[in-house]
């Protein structure tokens, strides 16, 4: 993207990956709304809370992975790679603890928890469909 054509955009917004991640977040939010309506209708509030908790856990994990990958792909030398590794491992341990609490302690509906875990996958699939549509229509 030409910075002169869009002077209001920051350098981070000029990268096409920023727009892709934003669309994945939007598609994931739409999936959460759709799954949430379905869970409220079929399973009640407990299923909806299970969907929301597991969806929040997987979205936090997605954002953490985005941060880790963006840090690893920086052109600067990684002098403290061990710190990045420890932070990533600590985040995965926290994710595992949150999942254990969601499934075993709170005893949410298993279908709602699984749908919550698939929210980011649906967001990625939505982005893929959008990209295919744009390539076919030429927009």
N, C-alpha and C. Protein backbone atom coordinates (compact mmCIF):
# COMPACT_ATOMS: atom_id res chain seq x y z
N UNK A 1 0.85 -1.17 0.00
CA UNK A 1 0.00 0.00 0.00
C UNK A 1 0.89 1.23 0.00
N UNK A 2 0.55 2.20 -0.79
CA UNK A 2 1.33 3.42 -0.93
C UNK A 2 1.00 4.38 0.22
N UNK A 3 2.00 4.78 1.04
CA UNK A 3 1.71 5.69 2.16
C UNK A 3 1.22 7.05 1.71
N UNK A 4 1.65 7.50 0.49
CA UNK A 4 1.19 8.79 0.02
C UNK A 4 -0.30 8.76 -0.34
N UNK A 5 -0.79 7.61 -0.77
CA UNK A 5 -2.20 7.48 -1.14
C UNK A 5 -3.11 7.51 0.09
N UNK A 6 -2.61 7.00 1.22
CA UNK A 6 -3.39 6.95 2.46
C UNK A 6 -2.55 7.51 3.61
N UNK A 7 -2.39 8.84 3.70
CA UNK A 7 -1.54 9.40 4.75
C UNK A 7 -2.12 9.23 6.15
N UNK A 8 -3.42 8.92 6.26
CA UNK A 8 -4.04 8.79 7.58
C UNK A 8 -3.75 7.43 8.22
N UNK A 9 -3.22 6.46 7.44
CA UNK A 9 -2.93 5.14 7.97
C UNK A 9 -1.58 5.13 8.67
N UNK A 10 -1.51 4.45 9.80
CA UNK A 10 -0.24 4.27 10.48
C UNK A 10 0.55 3.18 9.75
N UNK A 11 1.87 3.08 10.00
CA UNK A 11 2.65 2.03 9.33
C UNK A 11 2.15 0.63 9.62
N UNK A 12 1.62 0.39 10.83
CA UNK A 12 1.11 -0.94 11.16
C UNK A 12 -0.13 -1.28 10.35
N UNK A 13 -0.95 -0.27 10.04
CA UNK A 13 -2.18 -0.52 9.29
C UNK A 13 -1.93 -0.68 7.80
N UNK A 14 -0.73 -0.33 7.34
CA UNK A 14 -0.43 -0.48 5.93
C UNK A 14 -0.19 -1.94 5.56
N UNK A 15 0.15 -2.76 6.52
CA UNK A 15 0.42 -4.17 6.25
C UNK A 15 -0.88 -4.90 6.03
N UNK A 16 -0.96 -5.75 4.99
CA UNK A 16 -2.21 -6.47 4.73
C UNK A 16 -2.56 -7.48 5.82
N UNK A 17 -1.57 -7.97 6.57
CA UNK A 17 -1.85 -8.93 7.63
C UNK A 17 -2.70 -8.36 8.74
N UNK A 18 -2.59 -7.06 8.97
CA UNK A 18 -3.39 -6.40 10.01
C UNK A 18 -4.87 -6.51 9.66
N UNK A 19 -5.19 -6.30 8.39
CA UNK A 19 -6.58 -6.37 7.95
C UNK A 19 -7.10 -7.80 8.01
N UNK A 20 -6.24 -8.77 7.71
CA UNK A 20 -6.65 -10.18 7.77
C UNK A 20 -7.00 -10.57 9.19
N UNK A 21 -6.15 -10.22 10.14
CA UNK A 21 -6.41 -10.56 11.55
C UNK A 21 -7.66 -9.84 12.04
N UNK A 22 -7.87 -8.60 11.61
CA UNK A 22 -9.07 -7.87 12.00
C UNK A 22 -10.32 -8.58 11.47
N UNK A 23 -10.28 -9.02 10.21
CA UNK A 23 -11.44 -9.73 9.66
C UNK A 23 -11.67 -11.07 10.35
N UNK A 24 -10.59 -11.76 10.73
CA UNK A 24 -10.75 -13.02 11.47
C UNK A 24 -11.43 -12.74 12.80
N UNK A 25 -11.06 -11.67 13.48
CA UNK A 25 -11.72 -11.31 14.74
C UNK A 25 -13.20 -11.02 14.53
N UNK A 26 -13.52 -10.30 13.45
CA UNK A 26 -14.92 -9.97 13.16
C UNK A 26 -15.72 -11.23 12.86
N UNK A 27 -15.17 -12.11 12.00
CA UNK A 27 -15.86 -13.37 11.69
C UNK A 27 -16.02 -14.24 12.94
N UNK A 28 -15.02 -14.23 13.81
CA UNK A 28 -15.11 -15.00 15.06
C UNK A 28 -16.20 -14.44 15.96
N UNK A 29 -16.32 -13.13 16.03
CA UNK A 29 -17.36 -12.51 16.85
C UNK A 29 -18.75 -12.85 16.29
N UNK A 30 -18.89 -12.81 14.98
CA UNK A 30 -20.17 -13.18 14.35
C UNK A 30 -20.49 -14.65 14.64
N UNK A 31 -19.47 -15.52 14.60
CA UNK A 31 -19.68 -16.94 14.92
C UNK A 31 -20.11 -17.09 16.38
N UNK A 32 -19.52 -16.32 17.28
CA UNK A 32 -19.91 -16.38 18.69
C UNK A 32 -21.38 -15.97 18.86
N UNK A 33 -21.78 -14.93 18.15
CA UNK A 33 -23.18 -14.49 18.24
C UNK A 33 -24.11 -15.59 17.73
N UNK A 34 -23.79 -16.16 16.57
CA UNK A 34 -24.63 -17.22 16.01
C UNK A 34 -24.69 -18.45 16.91
N UNK A 35 -23.52 -18.91 17.38
CA UNK A 35 -23.49 -20.05 18.28
C UNK A 35 -24.19 -19.73 19.60
N UNK A 36 -24.04 -18.48 20.07
CA UNK A 36 -24.67 -18.08 21.32
C UNK A 36 -26.18 -18.12 21.25
N UNK A 37 -26.73 -17.65 20.14
CA UNK A 37 -28.19 -17.71 19.97
C UNK A 37 -28.66 -19.16 19.96
N UNK A 38 -27.90 -20.01 19.24
CA UNK A 38 -28.28 -21.42 19.17
C UNK A 38 -28.16 -22.09 20.55
N UNK A 39 -27.11 -21.78 21.30
CA UNK A 39 -26.93 -22.39 22.62
C UNK A 39 -27.99 -21.90 23.60
N UNK A 40 -28.36 -20.62 23.53
CA UNK A 40 -29.43 -20.13 24.39
C UNK A 40 -30.75 -20.83 24.08
N UNK A 41 -31.02 -21.06 22.81
CA UNK A 41 -32.29 -21.70 22.42
C UNK A 41 -32.32 -23.18 22.78
N UNK A 42 -31.18 -23.87 22.67
CA UNK A 42 -31.20 -25.32 22.89
C UNK A 42 -30.72 -25.74 24.27
N UNK A 43 -29.79 -24.98 24.87
CA UNK A 43 -29.20 -25.43 26.12
C UNK A 43 -29.39 -24.51 27.30
N UNK A 44 -29.88 -23.31 27.07
CA UNK A 44 -30.10 -22.38 28.17
C UNK A 44 -28.86 -21.56 28.50
N UNK A 45 -28.95 -20.87 29.63
CA UNK A 45 -27.88 -19.96 30.05
C UNK A 45 -26.58 -20.68 30.36
N UNK A 46 -26.66 -21.86 30.95
CA UNK A 46 -25.44 -22.59 31.31
C UNK A 46 -24.63 -22.94 30.06
N UNK A 47 -25.31 -23.34 28.99
CA UNK A 47 -24.62 -23.65 27.74
C UNK A 47 -24.03 -22.38 27.13
N UNK A 48 -24.76 -21.28 27.22
CA UNK A 48 -24.26 -20.01 26.69
C UNK A 48 -23.02 -19.55 27.44
N UNK A 49 -23.00 -19.70 28.75
CA UNK A 49 -21.84 -19.32 29.54
C UNK A 49 -20.66 -20.22 29.21
N UNK A 50 -20.90 -21.51 29.01
CA UNK A 50 -19.83 -22.42 28.59
C UNK A 50 -19.24 -22.03 27.25
N UNK A 51 -20.10 -21.67 26.31
CA UNK A 51 -19.65 -21.21 25.00
C UNK A 51 -18.82 -19.94 25.14
N UNK A 52 -19.28 -19.01 25.94
CA UNK A 52 -18.59 -17.74 26.11
C UNK A 52 -17.23 -17.93 26.78
N UNK A 53 -17.18 -18.75 27.81
CA UNK A 53 -15.91 -18.98 28.51
C UNK A 53 -14.88 -19.65 27.61
N UNK A 54 -15.27 -20.70 26.92
CA UNK A 54 -14.31 -21.38 26.05
C UNK A 54 -13.96 -20.52 24.84
N UNK A 55 -14.92 -19.75 24.33
CA UNK A 55 -14.62 -18.83 23.25
C UNK A 55 -13.64 -17.75 23.67
N UNK A 56 -13.78 -17.25 24.89
CA UNK A 56 -12.85 -16.24 25.39
C UNK A 56 -11.45 -16.84 25.56
N UNK A 57 -11.38 -18.07 26.05
CA UNK A 57 -10.08 -18.72 26.23
C UNK A 57 -9.39 -18.90 24.88
N UNK A 58 -10.11 -19.36 23.88
CA UNK A 58 -9.49 -19.60 22.58
C UNK A 58 -9.15 -18.28 21.88
N UNK A 59 -9.94 -17.24 22.08
CA UNK A 59 -9.62 -15.94 21.47
C UNK A 59 -8.39 -15.34 22.13
N UNK A 60 -8.28 -15.45 23.44
CA UNK A 60 -7.08 -14.98 24.13
C UNK A 60 -5.86 -15.73 23.63
N UNK A 61 -6.00 -17.04 23.46
CA UNK A 61 -4.90 -17.84 22.94
C UNK A 61 -4.52 -17.39 21.52
N UNK A 62 -5.51 -17.10 20.68
CA UNK A 62 -5.26 -16.63 19.32
C UNK A 62 -4.50 -15.30 19.35
N UNK A 63 -4.90 -14.39 20.21
CA UNK A 63 -4.22 -13.10 20.30
C UNK A 63 -2.80 -13.25 20.83
N UNK A 64 -2.61 -14.16 21.79
CA UNK A 64 -1.26 -14.42 22.30
C UNK A 64 -0.38 -14.99 21.19
N UNK A 65 -0.90 -15.94 20.44
CA UNK A 65 -0.12 -16.51 19.35
C UNK A 65 0.21 -15.46 18.30
N UNK A 66 -0.73 -14.57 18.03
CA UNK A 66 -0.47 -13.48 17.10
C UNK A 66 0.69 -12.63 17.59
N UNK A 67 0.71 -12.31 18.87
CA UNK A 67 1.79 -11.52 19.43
C UNK A 67 3.12 -12.27 19.36
N UNK A 68 3.11 -13.55 19.68
CA UNK A 68 4.34 -14.35 19.64
C UNK A 68 4.90 -14.40 18.23
N UNK A 69 4.04 -14.68 17.25
CA UNK A 69 4.50 -14.77 15.87
C UNK A 69 5.01 -13.42 15.37
N UNK A 70 4.32 -12.34 15.70
CA UNK A 70 4.79 -11.02 15.26
C UNK A 70 6.13 -10.68 15.90
N UNK A 71 6.37 -11.11 17.14
CA UNK A 71 7.67 -10.87 17.78
C UNK A 71 8.76 -11.72 17.13
N UNK A 72 8.43 -12.94 16.77
CA UNK A 72 9.43 -13.81 16.16
C UNK A 72 9.79 -13.37 14.74
N UNK A 73 8.85 -12.77 14.04
CA UNK A 73 9.09 -12.38 12.65
C UNK A 73 9.70 -10.98 12.50
N UNK A 74 10.03 -10.34 13.60
CA UNK A 74 10.67 -9.02 13.53
C UNK A 74 12.08 -9.17 12.97
N UNK A 75 12.55 -8.20 12.20
CA UNK A 75 13.89 -8.31 11.63
C UNK A 75 15.01 -8.10 12.64
N UNK A 76 14.68 -7.62 13.83
CA UNK A 76 15.70 -7.41 14.86
C UNK A 76 16.22 -8.74 15.36
N UNK A 77 17.48 -8.78 15.80
CA UNK A 77 18.00 -10.03 16.37
C UNK A 77 17.30 -10.32 17.70
N UNK A 78 17.05 -11.58 17.95
CA UNK A 78 16.36 -12.00 19.17
C UNK A 78 17.41 -12.39 20.22
N UNK A 79 17.85 -11.40 20.99
CA UNK A 79 18.87 -11.65 21.99
C UNK A 79 18.30 -12.38 23.19
N UNK A 80 17.02 -12.20 23.46
CA UNK A 80 16.40 -12.82 24.63
C UNK A 80 15.31 -13.80 24.19
N UNK A 81 15.67 -14.73 23.35
CA UNK A 81 14.71 -15.71 22.86
C UNK A 81 14.20 -16.59 24.00
N UNK A 82 15.01 -16.83 25.00
CA UNK A 82 14.59 -17.67 26.12
C UNK A 82 13.43 -17.02 26.87
N UNK A 83 13.42 -15.68 26.95
CA UNK A 83 12.32 -14.99 27.63
C UNK A 83 11.01 -15.16 26.86
N UNK A 84 11.08 -15.07 25.56
CA UNK A 84 9.90 -15.27 24.71
C UNK A 84 9.39 -16.69 24.84
N UNK A 85 10.32 -17.65 24.92
CA UNK A 85 9.94 -19.05 25.07
C UNK A 85 9.26 -19.28 26.42
N UNK A 86 9.81 -18.73 27.48
CA UNK A 86 9.20 -18.90 28.81
C UNK A 86 7.81 -18.26 28.87
N UNK A 87 7.66 -17.08 28.27
CA UNK A 87 6.35 -16.43 28.25
C UNK A 87 5.35 -17.27 27.48
N UNK A 88 5.75 -17.84 26.36
CA UNK A 88 4.85 -18.68 25.56
C UNK A 88 4.45 -19.92 26.34
N UNK A 89 5.40 -20.56 26.99
CA UNK A 89 5.09 -21.75 27.79
C UNK A 89 4.17 -21.41 28.96
N UNK A 90 4.42 -20.29 29.62
CA UNK A 90 3.55 -19.87 30.73
C UNK A 90 2.13 -19.62 30.24
N UNK A 91 1.99 -19.05 29.06
CA UNK A 91 0.66 -18.80 28.52
C UNK A 91 -0.06 -20.10 28.21
N UNK A 92 0.66 -21.08 27.70
CA UNK A 92 0.02 -22.37 27.42
C UNK A 92 -0.37 -23.09 28.71
N UNK A 93 0.41 -22.93 29.76
CA UNK A 93 0.04 -23.51 31.06
C UNK A 93 -1.23 -22.84 31.57
N UNK A 94 -1.30 -21.51 31.46
CA UNK A 94 -2.52 -20.80 31.88
C UNK A 94 -3.72 -21.22 31.05
N UNK A 95 -3.52 -21.42 29.76
CA UNK A 95 -4.60 -21.89 28.89
C UNK A 95 -5.08 -23.26 29.34
N UNK A 96 -4.16 -24.15 29.64
CA UNK A 96 -4.55 -25.48 30.10
C UNK A 96 -5.31 -25.45 31.41
N UNK A 97 -4.89 -24.60 32.34
CA UNK A 97 -5.61 -24.47 33.61
C UNK A 97 -7.01 -23.92 33.38
N UNK A 98 -7.13 -22.92 32.51
CA UNK A 98 -8.45 -22.36 32.21
C UNK A 98 -9.36 -23.41 31.58
N UNK A 99 -8.82 -24.24 30.71
CA UNK A 99 -9.62 -25.29 30.09
C UNK A 99 -10.06 -26.34 31.12
N UNK A 100 -9.16 -26.71 32.02
CA UNK A 100 -9.53 -27.67 33.06
C UNK A 100 -10.63 -27.12 33.95
N UNK A 101 -10.53 -25.86 34.31
CA UNK A 101 -11.57 -25.24 35.13
C UNK A 101 -12.89 -25.21 34.38
N UNK A 102 -12.84 -24.86 33.10
CA UNK A 102 -14.06 -24.78 32.29
C UNK A 102 -14.76 -26.14 32.19
N UNK A 103 -13.99 -27.20 32.00
CA UNK A 103 -14.60 -28.51 31.76
C UNK A 103 -14.92 -29.23 33.07
N UNK A 104 -13.97 -29.29 34.00
CA UNK A 104 -14.15 -30.14 35.17
C UNK A 104 -14.77 -29.43 36.38
N UNK A 105 -14.41 -28.20 36.62
CA UNK A 105 -14.92 -27.50 37.80
C UNK A 105 -16.30 -26.91 37.52
N UNK A 106 -16.43 -26.15 36.43
CA UNK A 106 -17.70 -25.49 36.13
C UNK A 106 -18.72 -26.45 35.54
N UNK A 107 -18.27 -27.53 34.93
CA UNK A 107 -19.13 -28.57 34.33
C UNK A 107 -20.15 -27.98 33.35
N UNK A 108 -19.60 -27.25 32.39
CA UNK A 108 -20.45 -26.69 31.34
C UNK A 108 -20.82 -27.76 30.34
N UNK A 109 -21.80 -27.46 29.52
CA UNK A 109 -22.24 -28.33 28.44
C UNK A 109 -21.07 -28.58 27.49
N UNK A 110 -20.77 -29.86 27.21
CA UNK A 110 -19.62 -30.20 26.37
C UNK A 110 -19.76 -29.65 24.95
N UNK A 111 -20.96 -29.66 24.40
CA UNK A 111 -21.17 -29.15 23.04
C UNK A 111 -20.88 -27.65 23.00
N UNK A 112 -21.32 -26.93 24.01
CA UNK A 112 -21.08 -25.48 24.02
C UNK A 112 -19.59 -25.18 24.17
N UNK A 113 -18.88 -25.97 24.96
CA UNK A 113 -17.45 -25.77 25.13
C UNK A 113 -16.72 -26.04 23.81
N UNK A 114 -17.11 -27.11 23.12
CA UNK A 114 -16.49 -27.43 21.84
C UNK A 114 -16.80 -26.37 20.78
N UNK A 115 -18.02 -25.86 20.77
CA UNK A 115 -18.34 -24.77 19.84
C UNK A 115 -17.54 -23.52 20.16
N UNK A 116 -17.33 -23.26 21.44
CA UNK A 116 -16.52 -22.12 21.82
C UNK A 116 -15.08 -22.25 21.34
N UNK A 117 -14.55 -23.47 21.40
CA UNK A 117 -13.19 -23.69 20.91
C UNK A 117 -13.09 -23.51 19.41
N UNK A 118 -14.19 -23.67 18.69
CA UNK A 118 -14.14 -23.59 17.23
C UNK A 118 -14.42 -22.19 16.70
N UNK A 119 -14.60 -21.22 17.56
CA UNK A 119 -14.93 -19.87 17.12
C UNK A 119 -13.83 -19.29 16.22
N UNK A 120 -12.58 -19.42 16.60
CA UNK A 120 -11.50 -18.88 15.79
C UNK A 120 -11.37 -19.66 14.48
N UNK A 121 -11.63 -20.96 14.53
CA UNK A 121 -11.59 -21.77 13.30
C UNK A 121 -12.64 -21.27 12.32
N UNK A 122 -13.83 -20.97 12.81
CA UNK A 122 -14.89 -20.42 11.95
C UNK A 122 -14.46 -19.05 11.42
N UNK A 123 -13.79 -18.27 12.24
CA UNK A 123 -13.28 -16.97 11.79
C UNK A 123 -12.27 -17.12 10.67
N UNK A 124 -11.38 -18.09 10.79
CA UNK A 124 -10.39 -18.34 9.74
C UNK A 124 -11.06 -18.84 8.47
N UNK A 125 -12.06 -19.70 8.62
CA UNK A 125 -12.80 -20.18 7.46
C UNK A 125 -13.56 -19.05 6.79
N UNK A 126 -14.11 -18.13 7.57
CA UNK A 126 -14.78 -16.96 7.01
C UNK A 126 -13.82 -16.08 6.24
N UNK A 127 -12.62 -15.90 6.77
CA UNK A 127 -11.60 -15.12 6.06
C UNK A 127 -11.21 -15.80 4.75
N UNK A 128 -11.10 -17.13 4.77
CA UNK A 128 -10.77 -17.86 3.54
C UNK A 128 -11.87 -17.70 2.50
N UNK A 129 -13.13 -17.79 2.92
CA UNK A 129 -14.25 -17.60 1.99
C UNK A 129 -14.27 -16.19 1.44
N UNK A 130 -13.97 -15.21 2.28
CA UNK A 130 -13.93 -13.81 1.85
C UNK A 130 -12.81 -13.61 0.82
N UNK A 131 -11.65 -14.20 1.07
CA UNK A 131 -10.52 -14.07 0.15
C UNK A 131 -10.83 -14.72 -1.19
N UNK A 132 -11.48 -15.88 -1.16
CA UNK A 132 -11.88 -16.55 -2.42
C UNK A 132 -12.88 -15.70 -3.16
N UNK A 133 -13.84 -15.14 -2.46
CA UNK A 133 -14.84 -14.27 -3.09
C UNK A 133 -14.17 -13.07 -3.75
N UNK A 134 -13.23 -12.45 -3.05
CA UNK A 134 -12.53 -11.29 -3.61
C UNK A 134 -11.71 -11.67 -4.83
N UNK A 135 -11.10 -12.86 -4.82
CA UNK A 135 -10.30 -13.26 -5.97
C UNK A 135 -11.15 -13.58 -7.18
N UNK A 136 -12.37 -14.09 -6.95
CA UNK A 136 -13.27 -14.42 -8.06
C UNK A 136 -13.87 -13.15 -8.64
N UNK A 137 -14.31 -12.25 -7.79
CA UNK A 137 -14.97 -11.04 -8.28
C UNK A 137 -13.98 -9.97 -8.71
N UNK A 138 -12.72 -10.08 -8.32
CA UNK A 138 -11.71 -9.10 -8.72
C UNK A 138 -11.75 -7.81 -7.94
N UNK A 139 -12.36 -7.81 -6.78
CA UNK A 139 -12.43 -6.60 -5.95
C UNK A 139 -11.29 -6.54 -4.99
